[in-house]
């Protein structure tokens, strides 16, 4: 579930929204980048969510493997650990 509140006042922008009806759990903390929020489920699906006053799931990227660790951001890379793999995602020049 996801909710949105105004940072300064705590006023609710939108209440509980289910990210995906088929997803059971999210253990990893969400992260934000470039106006989007990313949420990695235990099933290994990364959901791309629109940041702002309207809840909208923009996409879903599967890794097809269990993920329970929060991704790390280091030196311009996103590092994701699954049950058997380690991914490094970076912008190439």
Protein backbone atom coordinates (compact mmCIF):
# COMPACT_ATOMS: atom_id res chain seq x y z
CA UNK A 1 0.00 0.00 0.00
CA UNK A 2 1.09 3.54 -0.63
CA UNK A 3 -0.13 6.84 0.76
CA UNK A 4 0.85 10.42 -0.03
CA UNK A 5 1.11 13.27 2.48
CA UNK A 6 2.27 16.86 2.20
CA UNK A 7 5.74 16.98 3.79
CA UNK A 8 5.32 20.36 5.49
CA UNK A 9 1.91 19.87 7.10
CA UNK A 10 1.29 16.12 7.05
CA UNK A 11 -2.01 16.70 5.21
CA UNK A 12 -3.11 13.62 3.29
CA UNK A 13 -2.94 14.03 -0.48
CA UNK A 14 -4.27 10.53 -1.18
CA UNK A 15 -5.05 7.61 1.09
CA UNK A 16 -4.05 3.95 0.88
CA UNK A 17 -3.55 2.75 -2.66
CA UNK A 18 -2.67 -0.84 -3.52
CA UNK A 19 0.41 -0.89 -5.75
CA UNK A 20 -0.49 -4.24 -7.30
CA UNK A 21 -3.34 -6.58 -6.33
CA UNK A 22 -1.22 -9.70 -7.03
CA UNK A 23 1.81 -8.62 -4.98
CA UNK A 24 1.89 -9.86 -1.39
CA UNK A 25 4.80 -8.04 0.24
CA UNK A 26 7.38 -5.28 -0.01
CA UNK A 27 10.38 -5.66 2.30
CA UNK A 28 12.75 -3.24 0.54
CA UNK A 29 12.42 0.49 1.13
CA UNK A 30 11.19 2.52 -1.84
CA UNK A 31 13.48 5.06 -3.54
CA UNK A 32 12.94 8.07 -5.78
CA UNK A 33 14.66 9.24 -8.94
CA UNK A 34 13.83 11.65 -11.73
CA UNK A 35 10.27 12.39 -10.58
CA UNK A 36 9.36 8.74 -10.02
CA UNK A 37 9.09 6.42 -7.03
CA UNK A 38 10.36 2.85 -7.29
CA UNK A 39 9.13 -0.02 -5.10
CA UNK A 40 10.77 -3.47 -5.25
CA UNK A 41 8.53 -6.35 -4.19
CA UNK A 42 9.65 -9.62 -2.62
CA UNK A 43 8.59 -11.28 -5.89
CA UNK A 44 11.33 -9.33 -7.68
CA UNK A 45 9.09 -6.83 -9.45
CA UNK A 46 10.08 -3.17 -9.45
CA UNK A 47 7.04 -0.92 -9.73
CA UNK A 48 7.51 2.56 -11.17
CA UNK A 49 5.06 4.99 -9.56
CA UNK A 50 4.31 8.55 -10.55
CA UNK A 51 5.41 11.05 -7.90
CA UNK A 52 2.84 13.73 -7.11
CA UNK A 53 -0.75 14.27 -6.12
CA UNK A 54 -2.21 11.47 -8.27
CA UNK A 55 -1.43 7.79 -7.64
CA UNK A 56 -0.50 6.03 -10.85
CA UNK A 57 1.64 2.96 -11.51
CA UNK A 58 3.63 3.75 -14.65
CA UNK A 59 5.32 0.39 -15.14
CA UNK A 60 6.51 -2.92 -13.76
CA UNK A 61 9.97 -4.42 -14.32
CA UNK A 62 10.40 -8.10 -13.35
CA UNK A 63 13.64 -9.70 -12.17
CA UNK A 64 11.93 -13.12 -11.84
CA UNK A 65 13.56 -13.84 -8.49
CA UNK A 66 12.97 -13.11 -4.82
CA UNK A 67 14.28 -9.75 -3.55
CA UNK A 68 14.22 -8.68 0.07
CA UNK A 69 17.07 -6.15 0.30
CA UNK A 70 16.71 -2.43 -0.28
CA UNK A 71 18.67 -1.44 -3.40
CA UNK A 72 21.81 0.65 -2.88
CA UNK A 73 22.64 3.82 -4.78
CA UNK A 74 26.36 4.42 -5.20
CA UNK A 75 28.48 6.41 -7.67
CA UNK A 76 25.66 6.87 -10.14
CA UNK A 77 24.62 3.21 -10.05
CA UNK A 78 21.67 1.31 -8.66
CA UNK A 79 22.69 -2.00 -7.09
CA UNK A 80 20.02 -4.67 -6.61
CA UNK A 81 20.56 -8.01 -4.86
CA UNK A 82 18.23 -10.93 -5.56
CA UNK A 83 18.35 -14.42 -4.06
CA UNK A 84 21.16 -15.48 -6.42
CA UNK A 85 22.28 -12.43 -8.44
CA UNK A 86 23.71 -8.96 -8.02
CA UNK A 87 22.71 -6.33 -10.58
CA UNK A 88 24.38 -2.98 -11.23
CA UNK A 89 22.35 -0.55 -13.32
CA UNK A 90 24.06 2.60 -14.58
CA UNK A 91 23.70 5.13 -17.32
CA UNK A 92 26.28 4.62 -20.05
CA UNK A 93 27.97 7.51 -21.81
